[in-house]
Amino acid sequence: CITPGVYAIVGAASVLGGVTRMTVSLVVIIFEITGGLEYILPVMGAVMLSKWVGDAFTHSVYHVAIEIKGYPYLEKLEHAPTDAVARDLIPHDAPPLETLFLVRAAHSTLDIRQLLARTSCQGFPVIPAPGSARVVGYVPRVALQRMAAQGGEEVDLAPGLDAAPVQVDEATCVDRVEEMFYLLGLRYLLVTSNGGLLGIVTKKDLLRFLRKAA
């Protein structure tokens, strides 16, 4: 005989599977709620079928939410054109590097606060002396804000300094840069030429380039 409740359970599992792309965990949840272990085969079949159909046409609701919010999330390696190199990833609207450089020395709290108010950049390269383009470190914006908020007349960069930021040559292929972001979990890297800094590339910059190149 036809039992409407069975169709309701299978249909609900199918809809949830298509929206969330959950499989085993969704089947377990359904059976914990209903206790109908005798319907395991139709529910599993419906969940797997809905996932396959959903994957063939669109992304899951979580993936769509990430895109709407603009989160820099690399789900998988999306190979870019082979002729693109790291310098192509540097955004054209980025502020001049001269306005972002910090000398490896103590800075006044006022200068740091003015720098933070002047730009929205999420990090600042550190150079050994004025006029140099050789990077000796990198200070994230959050660390700089924390140090500036501690008070005092001067800010010491040492506590928040990343003395070994990841750097790549300007001729490094984008495929390799993408692998570094994906496998190392990087949020940014520095692009250099003959030891001098050319620009800063973030994960958002990489994703924006990959979407345009797709």
Protein backbone atom coordinates (compact mmCIF):
# COMPACT_ATOMS: atom_id res chain seq x y z
CA CYS A 1 0.00 0.00 0.00
CA ILE A 2 1.02 3.61 -0.47
CA THR A 3 2.02 5.40 2.74
CA PRO A 4 2.14 9.20 2.31
CA GLY A 5 4.51 9.56 5.26
CA VAL A 6 7.19 7.52 3.51
CA TYR A 7 7.04 9.76 0.47
CA ALA A 8 7.23 12.80 2.73
CA ILE A 9 10.37 11.49 4.43
CA VAL A 10 12.05 10.57 1.15
CA GLY A 11 11.08 13.90 -0.42
CA ALA A 12 12.35 15.90 2.56
CA ALA A 13 15.65 14.04 2.53
CA SER A 14 15.95 14.60 -1.22
CA VAL A 15 15.34 18.35 -0.93
CA LEU A 16 17.84 18.74 1.92
CA GLY A 17 20.40 16.66 0.02
CA GLY A 18 20.04 18.81 -3.07
CA VAL A 19 20.32 22.06 -1.14
CA THR A 20 23.11 21.18 1.29
CA ARG A 21 24.84 18.32 -0.64
CA MET A 22 25.08 16.33 2.60
CA THR A 23 24.95 12.55 2.21
CA VAL A 24 25.76 10.15 5.05
CA SER A 25 25.19 12.69 7.81
CA LEU A 26 21.81 13.65 6.35
CA VAL A 27 20.68 10.01 6.16
CA VAL A 28 21.70 9.49 9.79
CA ILE A 29 19.80 12.61 10.87
CA ILE A 30 16.65 11.48 9.04
CA PHE A 31 16.70 8.08 10.73
CA GLU A 32 17.44 9.55 14.14
CA ILE A 33 14.35 11.75 13.76
CA THR A 34 11.98 9.16 12.29
CA GLY A 35 13.37 5.85 13.51
CA GLY A 36 12.31 4.27 10.21
CA LEU A 37 15.28 2.03 9.49
CA GLU A 38 13.23 -0.01 7.02
CA TYR A 39 13.28 2.95 4.62
CA ILE A 40 17.04 3.26 4.48
CA LEU A 41 17.38 2.24 0.81
CA PRO A 42 14.88 4.74 -0.68
CA VAL A 43 16.19 7.57 1.48
CA MET A 44 19.83 6.84 0.57
CA GLY A 45 18.92 6.59 -3.10
CA ALA A 46 16.99 9.87 -3.03
CA VAL A 47 19.79 11.71 -1.22
CA MET A 48 22.51 10.49 -3.58
CA LEU A 49 20.41 11.22 -6.68
CA SER A 50 19.60 14.74 -5.51
CA LYS A 51 23.29 15.39 -4.81
CA TRP A 52 24.36 14.16 -8.26
CA VAL A 53 21.71 16.24 -10.00
CA GLY A 54 22.58 19.31 -7.92
CA ASP A 55 26.31 18.98 -8.59
CA ALA A 56 25.57 18.76 -12.33
CA PHE A 57 23.75 22.10 -12.39
CA THR A 58 24.79 24.38 -9.55
CA HIS A 59 26.65 24.77 -6.24
CA SER A 60 25.37 24.08 -2.76
CA VAL A 61 23.65 26.73 -0.67
CA TYR A 62 26.83 27.14 1.40
CA HIS A 63 28.93 27.81 -1.70
CA VAL A 64 26.38 30.39 -2.89
CA ALA A 65 26.47 32.09 0.51
CA ILE A 66 30.26 32.30 0.34
CA GLU A 67 30.06 33.95 -3.09
CA ILE A 68 27.39 36.42 -1.95
CA LYS A 69 29.41 37.40 1.11
CA GLY A 70 32.59 37.64 -0.96
CA TYR A 71 34.65 35.39 1.28
CA PRO A 72 38.05 34.50 -0.25
CA TYR A 73 37.59 30.73 -0.29
CA LEU A 74 39.57 28.42 -2.58
CA GLU A 75 37.50 25.27 -2.85
CA LYS A 76 39.74 23.49 -5.35
CA LEU A 77 42.57 24.21 -7.73
CA GLU A 78 41.28 26.13 -10.72
CA HIS A 79 44.12 26.14 -13.19
CA ALA A 80 44.69 29.54 -14.71
CA PRO A 81 46.15 30.29 -18.16
CA THR A 82 49.73 29.07 -18.39
CA ASP A 83 51.05 32.36 -19.76
CA ALA A 84 49.92 34.36 -16.71
CA VAL A 85 52.55 35.15 -14.08
CA ALA A 86 52.60 36.51 -10.55
CA ARG A 87 52.99 40.16 -11.55
CA ASP A 88 49.68 39.91 -13.44
CA LEU A 89 47.93 39.31 -10.11
CA ILE A 90 48.94 42.66 -8.62
CA PRO A 91 45.80 44.85 -8.61
CA HIS A 92 46.08 47.98 -10.73
CA ASP A 93 44.17 50.07 -8.20
CA ALA A 94 46.50 49.19 -5.32
CA PRO A 95 47.97 52.17 -3.45
CA PRO A 96 51.62 53.05 -4.18
CA LEU A 97 54.02 50.91 -2.19
CA GLU A 98 55.85 54.01 -0.98
CA THR A 99 52.80 54.90 1.08
CA LEU A 100 52.72 51.49 2.76
CA PHE A 101 56.38 50.92 3.64
CA LEU A 102 57.35 50.83 7.28
CA VAL A 103 60.99 51.20 8.29
CA ARG A 104 62.28 48.57 10.71
CA ALA A 105 62.53 50.95 13.64
CA ALA A 106 60.29 52.41 16.31
CA HIS A 107 57.51 54.62 14.97
CA SER A 108 55.48 57.25 16.74
CA THR A 109 51.97 56.22 17.68
CA LEU A 110 50.62 59.25 15.82
CA ASP A 111 52.31 58.20 12.56
CA ILE A 112 50.92 54.66 12.85
CA ARG A 113 47.41 55.91 13.50
CA GLN A 114 47.62 58.28 10.54
CA LEU A 115 48.81 55.42 8.33
CA LEU A 116 45.91 53.22 9.43
CA ALA A 117 43.43 56.03 8.80
CA ARG A 118 44.90 56.80 5.37
CA THR A 119 44.57 53.32 3.89
CA SER A 120 42.44 50.21 4.27
CA CYS A 121 45.24 47.80 3.34
CA GLN A 122 45.36 44.68 5.51
CA GLY A 123 49.13 44.62 5.91
CA PHE A 124 52.30 46.65 5.55
CA PRO A 125 55.75 45.59 4.26
CA VAL A 126 58.75 46.45 6.41
CA ILE A 127 62.01 47.70 4.86
CA PRO A 128 65.45 48.07 6.48
CA ALA A 129 65.93 51.76 5.62
CA PRO A 130 64.12 54.61 3.82
CA GLY A 131 64.39 54.37 0.04
CA SER A 132 64.95 50.62 0.06
CA ALA A 133 62.64 48.16 -1.71
CA ARG A 134 64.05 45.06 0.01
CA VAL A 135 61.47 43.56 2.33
CA VAL A 136 62.60 42.30 5.72
CA GLY A 137 59.18 41.61 7.18
CA TYR A 138 55.45 42.18 7.08
CA VAL A 139 53.07 43.52 9.72
CA PRO A 140 49.35 42.66 9.46
CA ARG A 141 46.91 45.50 9.97
CA VAL A 142 45.32 43.81 12.97
CA ALA A 143 48.67 43.54 14.75
CA LEU A 144 49.50 47.16 13.96
CA GLN A 145 46.14 48.33 15.32
CA ARG A 146 46.66 46.32 18.49
CA MET A 147 50.11 47.77 19.05
CA ALA A 148 48.94 51.33 18.37
CA ALA A 149 46.09 50.93 20.87
CA GLN A 150 48.43 50.00 23.71
CA GLY A 151 49.36 53.64 24.24
CA GLY A 152 52.75 55.20 24.59
CA GLU A 153 54.59 57.57 22.31
CA GLU A 154 56.29 54.94 20.17
CA VAL A 155 55.24 51.66 18.56
CA ASP A 156 57.71 48.79 18.35
CA LEU A 157 57.04 46.61 15.28
CA ALA A 158 58.87 43.57 16.63
CA PRO A 159 55.95 41.88 18.48
CA GLY A 160 53.73 41.83 15.38
CA LEU A 161 56.41 41.43 12.72
CA ASP A 162 56.34 38.45 10.35
CA ALA A 163 60.06 38.21 9.62
CA ALA A 164 59.65 35.58 6.89
CA PRO A 165 56.67 36.46 4.69
CA VAL A 166 56.11 34.22 1.67
CA GLN A 167 57.65 35.79 -1.44
CA VAL A 168 57.60 34.78 -5.10
CA ASP A 169 59.43 36.12 -8.12
CA GLU A 170 57.41 38.17 -10.58
CA ALA A 171 57.87 35.49 -13.27
CA THR A 172 56.33 32.71 -11.17
CA CYS A 173 53.40 31.14 -13.05
CA VAL A 174 49.91 31.68 -11.64
CA ASP A 175 49.41 27.91 -11.38
CA ARG A 176 52.23 27.74 -8.83
CA VAL A 177 50.90 30.78 -6.97
CA GLU A 178 47.47 29.14 -6.80
CA GLU A 179 48.98 25.95 -5.40
CA MET A 180 50.77 27.95 -2.71
CA PHE A 181 47.58 29.71 -1.64
CA TYR A 182 45.62 26.45 -1.65
CA LEU A 183 48.13 24.09 -0.02
CA LEU A 184 49.75 26.51 2.44
CA GLY A 185 46.55 28.32 3.40
CA LEU A 186 48.04 31.72 2.61
CA ARG A 187 46.08 34.95 2.86
CA TYR A 188 48.70 37.02 1.05
CA LEU A 189 52.13 36.80 -0.55
CA LEU A 190 54.69 39.30 -1.77
CA VAL A 191 55.73 39.59 -5.41
CA THR A 192 59.35 40.62 -5.86
CA SER A 193 61.81 41.34 -8.67
CA ASN A 194 65.54 40.99 -8.03
CA GLY A 195 64.87 41.24 -4.30
CA GLY A 196 62.75 44.38 -4.56
CA LEU A 197 59.06 44.41 -3.76
CA LEU A 198 56.69 44.90 -6.70
CA GLY A 199 53.36 44.37 -4.97
CA ILE A 200 51.20 42.43 -2.53
CA VAL A 201 48.78 39.77 -3.76
CA THR A 202 45.92 38.60 -1.54
CA LYS A 203 43.64 35.60 -1.92
CA LYS A 204 40.87 37.92 -3.10
CA ASP A 205 43.15 39.22 -5.85
CA LEU A 206 43.85 35.65 -6.98
CA LEU A 207 40.17 34.67 -7.00
CA ARG A 208 39.25 37.82 -8.91
CA PHE A 209 41.88 37.03 -11.55
CA LEU A 210 40.80 33.39 -11.85
CA ARG A 211 37.15 34.35 -12.35
CA LYS A 212 38.05 36.82 -15.09
CA ALA A 213 40.30 34.27 -16.80
CA ALA A 214 37.67 31.49 -16.65
